[in-house]
Amino acid sequence: MPANKRPRRVNYAVNKKWPKTWGKVANAINHYLKLQKRVEIEWMTKWLENAFKIVMVKLKKYWINPNKIK
């Protein structure tokens, strides 16, 4: 690569801790709260168990503690 060209492959932060779209964090929290409300109305079903697994992965990805969500 010539010296006068900027590196186009490396022009992004590799270790970003925030998502590219800022709504993802809020959507993950809202999804978790909606699932909790559904568990109160209907019991814990297999579908809800799988949905909670997906949401917990999202929360872990964004470093959100589910115990602090109200």
N, C-alpha and C. Protein backbone atom coordinates (compact mmCIF):
# COMPACT_ATOMS: atom_id res chain seq x y z
N MET A 1 0.84 -1.17 0.00
CA MET A 1 0.00 0.00 0.00
C MET A 1 0.89 1.24 0.00
N PRO A 2 0.65 2.15 -0.92
CA PRO A 2 1.47 3.37 -0.97
C PRO A 2 1.29 4.22 0.30
N ALA A 3 2.25 5.05 0.55
CA ALA A 3 2.25 5.84 1.79
C ALA A 3 1.19 6.94 1.78
N ASN A 4 0.73 7.38 0.62
CA ASN A 4 -0.20 8.50 0.58
C ASN A 4 -1.67 8.05 0.57
N LYS A 5 -1.95 6.78 0.74
CA LYS A 5 -3.32 6.27 0.76
C LYS A 5 -3.69 5.89 2.19
N ARG A 6 -4.89 6.23 2.59
CA ARG A 6 -5.33 5.82 3.92
C ARG A 6 -5.79 4.37 3.89
N PRO A 7 -5.59 3.66 4.97
CA PRO A 7 -6.02 2.24 4.98
C PRO A 7 -7.55 2.15 5.07
N ARG A 8 -8.20 1.69 4.02
CA ARG A 8 -9.65 1.62 4.00
C ARG A 8 -10.19 0.39 4.72
N ARG A 9 -9.37 -0.60 4.90
CA ARG A 9 -9.83 -1.82 5.57
C ARG A 9 -9.89 -1.65 7.08
N VAL A 10 -9.13 -0.74 7.63
CA VAL A 10 -8.98 -0.64 9.07
C VAL A 10 -9.52 0.69 9.59
N ASN A 11 -10.49 1.26 8.92
CA ASN A 11 -10.97 2.58 9.35
C ASN A 11 -12.21 2.48 10.24
N TYR A 12 -12.30 1.42 11.03
CA TYR A 12 -13.39 1.29 11.99
C TYR A 12 -12.83 0.78 13.30
N ALA A 13 -13.53 1.05 14.38
CA ALA A 13 -13.08 0.61 15.69
C ALA A 13 -13.45 -0.86 15.86
N VAL A 14 -12.47 -1.71 16.03
CA VAL A 14 -12.72 -3.14 16.14
C VAL A 14 -13.33 -3.49 17.49
N ASN A 15 -12.89 -2.85 18.54
CA ASN A 15 -13.32 -3.20 19.89
C ASN A 15 -14.38 -2.26 20.43
N LYS A 16 -15.32 -1.84 19.59
CA LYS A 16 -16.39 -0.96 20.06
C LYS A 16 -17.26 -1.71 21.05
N LYS A 17 -17.65 -1.04 22.12
CA LYS A 17 -18.56 -1.64 23.09
C LYS A 17 -19.98 -1.15 22.88
N TRP A 18 -20.21 -0.31 21.90
CA TRP A 18 -21.56 0.20 21.66
C TRP A 18 -22.01 -0.26 20.27
N PRO A 19 -23.29 -0.40 20.07
CA PRO A 19 -23.77 -0.84 18.76
C PRO A 19 -23.73 0.29 17.74
N LYS A 20 -23.76 -0.07 16.47
CA LYS A 20 -23.77 0.95 15.43
C LYS A 20 -25.07 1.74 15.44
N THR A 21 -26.18 1.04 15.62
CA THR A 21 -27.46 1.74 15.73
C THR A 21 -27.80 1.82 17.21
N TRP A 22 -28.04 3.01 17.70
CA TRP A 22 -28.20 3.22 19.14
C TRP A 22 -29.50 2.64 19.67
N GLY A 23 -30.45 2.34 18.81
CA GLY A 23 -31.72 1.79 19.29
C GLY A 23 -31.63 0.34 19.72
N LYS A 24 -30.55 -0.34 19.40
CA LYS A 24 -30.45 -1.76 19.73
C LYS A 24 -30.46 -2.01 21.23
N VAL A 25 -29.82 -1.17 22.00
CA VAL A 25 -29.78 -1.35 23.45
C VAL A 25 -31.17 -1.17 24.03
N ALA A 26 -31.85 -0.12 23.63
CA ALA A 26 -33.20 0.13 24.14
C ALA A 26 -34.16 -0.96 23.70
N ASN A 27 -34.02 -1.45 22.46
CA ASN A 27 -34.88 -2.52 21.98
C ASN A 27 -34.64 -3.82 22.75
N ALA A 28 -33.41 -4.10 23.11
CA ALA A 28 -33.11 -5.30 23.89
C ALA A 28 -33.74 -5.22 25.27
N ILE A 29 -33.68 -4.04 25.89
CA ILE A 29 -34.28 -3.86 27.21
C ILE A 29 -35.80 -3.97 27.12
N ASN A 30 -36.40 -3.34 26.10
CA ASN A 30 -37.85 -3.43 25.93
C ASN A 30 -38.30 -4.86 25.66
N HIS A 31 -37.53 -5.59 24.89
CA HIS A 31 -37.85 -6.98 24.60
C HIS A 31 -37.84 -7.81 25.89
N TYR A 32 -36.85 -7.58 26.74
CA TYR A 32 -36.75 -8.30 28.02
C TYR A 32 -37.96 -7.98 28.90
N LEU A 33 -38.34 -6.70 28.97
CA LEU A 33 -39.48 -6.31 29.80
C LEU A 33 -40.79 -6.90 29.28
N LYS A 34 -40.97 -6.93 27.96
CA LYS A 34 -42.19 -7.51 27.39
C LYS A 34 -42.28 -8.99 27.67
N LEU A 35 -41.14 -9.67 27.61
CA LEU A 35 -41.16 -11.11 27.91
C LEU A 35 -41.48 -11.35 29.38
N GLN A 36 -40.99 -10.50 30.27
CA GLN A 36 -41.32 -10.66 31.69
C GLN A 36 -42.81 -10.47 31.93
N LYS A 37 -43.42 -9.51 31.24
CA LYS A 37 -44.86 -9.31 31.38
C LYS A 37 -45.64 -10.52 30.86
N ARG A 38 -45.16 -11.11 29.77
CA ARG A 38 -45.83 -12.29 29.23
C ARG A 38 -45.73 -13.48 30.18
N VAL A 39 -44.62 -13.60 30.90
CA VAL A 39 -44.46 -14.69 31.85
C VAL A 39 -45.44 -14.51 33.02
N GLU A 40 -45.71 -13.27 33.42
CA GLU A 40 -46.68 -13.03 34.49
C GLU A 40 -48.09 -13.42 34.05
N ILE A 41 -48.42 -13.12 32.78
CA ILE A 41 -49.76 -13.42 32.29
C ILE A 41 -49.93 -14.91 32.02
N GLU A 42 -49.06 -15.46 31.19
CA GLU A 42 -49.07 -16.89 30.90
C GLU A 42 -47.82 -17.49 31.53
N TRP A 43 -47.85 -18.75 31.84
CA TRP A 43 -46.71 -19.37 32.52
C TRP A 43 -45.52 -19.47 31.58
N MET A 44 -44.42 -19.92 32.14
CA MET A 44 -43.19 -20.08 31.36
C MET A 44 -43.37 -21.24 30.39
N THR A 45 -43.48 -20.93 29.12
CA THR A 45 -43.63 -21.96 28.09
C THR A 45 -42.28 -22.20 27.43
N LYS A 46 -42.24 -23.20 26.58
CA LYS A 46 -40.99 -23.50 25.87
C LYS A 46 -40.60 -22.34 24.95
N TRP A 47 -41.62 -21.71 24.32
CA TRP A 47 -41.36 -20.59 23.44
C TRP A 47 -40.73 -19.44 24.22
N LEU A 48 -41.27 -19.16 25.41
CA LEU A 48 -40.73 -18.07 26.23
C LEU A 48 -39.33 -18.40 26.74
N GLU A 49 -39.08 -19.66 27.04
CA GLU A 49 -37.72 -20.04 27.46
C GLU A 49 -36.72 -19.76 26.36
N ASN A 50 -37.06 -20.13 25.14
CA ASN A 50 -36.16 -19.87 24.01
C ASN A 50 -36.01 -18.38 23.75
N ALA A 51 -37.10 -17.62 23.90
CA ALA A 51 -37.02 -16.17 23.70
C ALA A 51 -36.14 -15.54 24.77
N PHE A 52 -36.22 -16.03 26.01
CA PHE A 52 -35.37 -15.50 27.07
C PHE A 52 -33.90 -15.79 26.81
N LYS A 53 -33.61 -16.95 26.24
CA LYS A 53 -32.21 -17.26 25.90
C LYS A 53 -31.67 -16.24 24.89
N ILE A 54 -32.50 -15.93 23.89
CA ILE A 54 -32.07 -14.97 22.87
C ILE A 54 -31.86 -13.59 23.47
N VAL A 55 -32.77 -13.16 24.34
CA VAL A 55 -32.67 -11.84 24.95
C VAL A 55 -31.47 -11.77 25.89
N MET A 56 -31.21 -12.84 26.61
CA MET A 56 -30.07 -12.83 27.53
C MET A 56 -28.75 -12.73 26.76
N VAL A 57 -28.68 -13.32 25.59
CA VAL A 57 -27.48 -13.18 24.75
C VAL A 57 -27.31 -11.73 24.32
N LYS A 58 -28.44 -11.08 23.95
CA LYS A 58 -28.37 -9.67 23.56
C LYS A 58 -27.91 -8.80 24.72
N LEU A 59 -28.47 -9.04 25.90
CA LEU A 59 -28.10 -8.23 27.06
C LEU A 59 -26.63 -8.44 27.42
N LYS A 60 -26.17 -9.67 27.33
CA LYS A 60 -24.77 -9.95 27.63
C LYS A 60 -23.85 -9.26 26.60
N LYS A 61 -24.30 -9.23 25.35
CA LYS A 61 -23.51 -8.60 24.29
C LYS A 61 -23.33 -7.11 24.55
N TYR A 62 -24.39 -6.46 25.06
CA TYR A 62 -24.33 -5.01 25.31
C TYR A 62 -23.96 -4.69 26.75
N TRP A 63 -23.51 -5.66 27.53
CA TRP A 63 -23.06 -5.47 28.91
C TRP A 63 -24.15 -4.85 29.78
N ILE A 64 -25.36 -5.38 29.67
CA ILE A 64 -26.48 -4.91 30.49
C ILE A 64 -26.79 -5.98 31.52
N ASN A 65 -26.86 -5.59 32.78
CA ASN A 65 -27.18 -6.51 33.85
C ASN A 65 -28.70 -6.65 33.94
N PRO A 66 -29.26 -7.83 33.71
CA PRO A 66 -30.71 -7.99 33.75
C PRO A 66 -31.31 -7.77 35.12
N ASN A 67 -30.50 -7.91 36.17
CA ASN A 67 -31.02 -7.70 37.54
C ASN A 67 -31.30 -6.22 37.81
N LYS A 68 -30.71 -5.32 37.05
CA LYS A 68 -30.92 -3.89 37.27
C LYS A 68 -31.99 -3.30 36.39
N ILE A 69 -32.61 -4.11 35.51
CA ILE A 69 -33.69 -3.64 34.66
C ILE A 69 -34.98 -3.73 35.43
N LYS A 70 -35.74 -2.64 35.44
CA LYS A 70 -37.01 -2.67 36.17
C LYS A 70 -38.14 -2.34 35.24
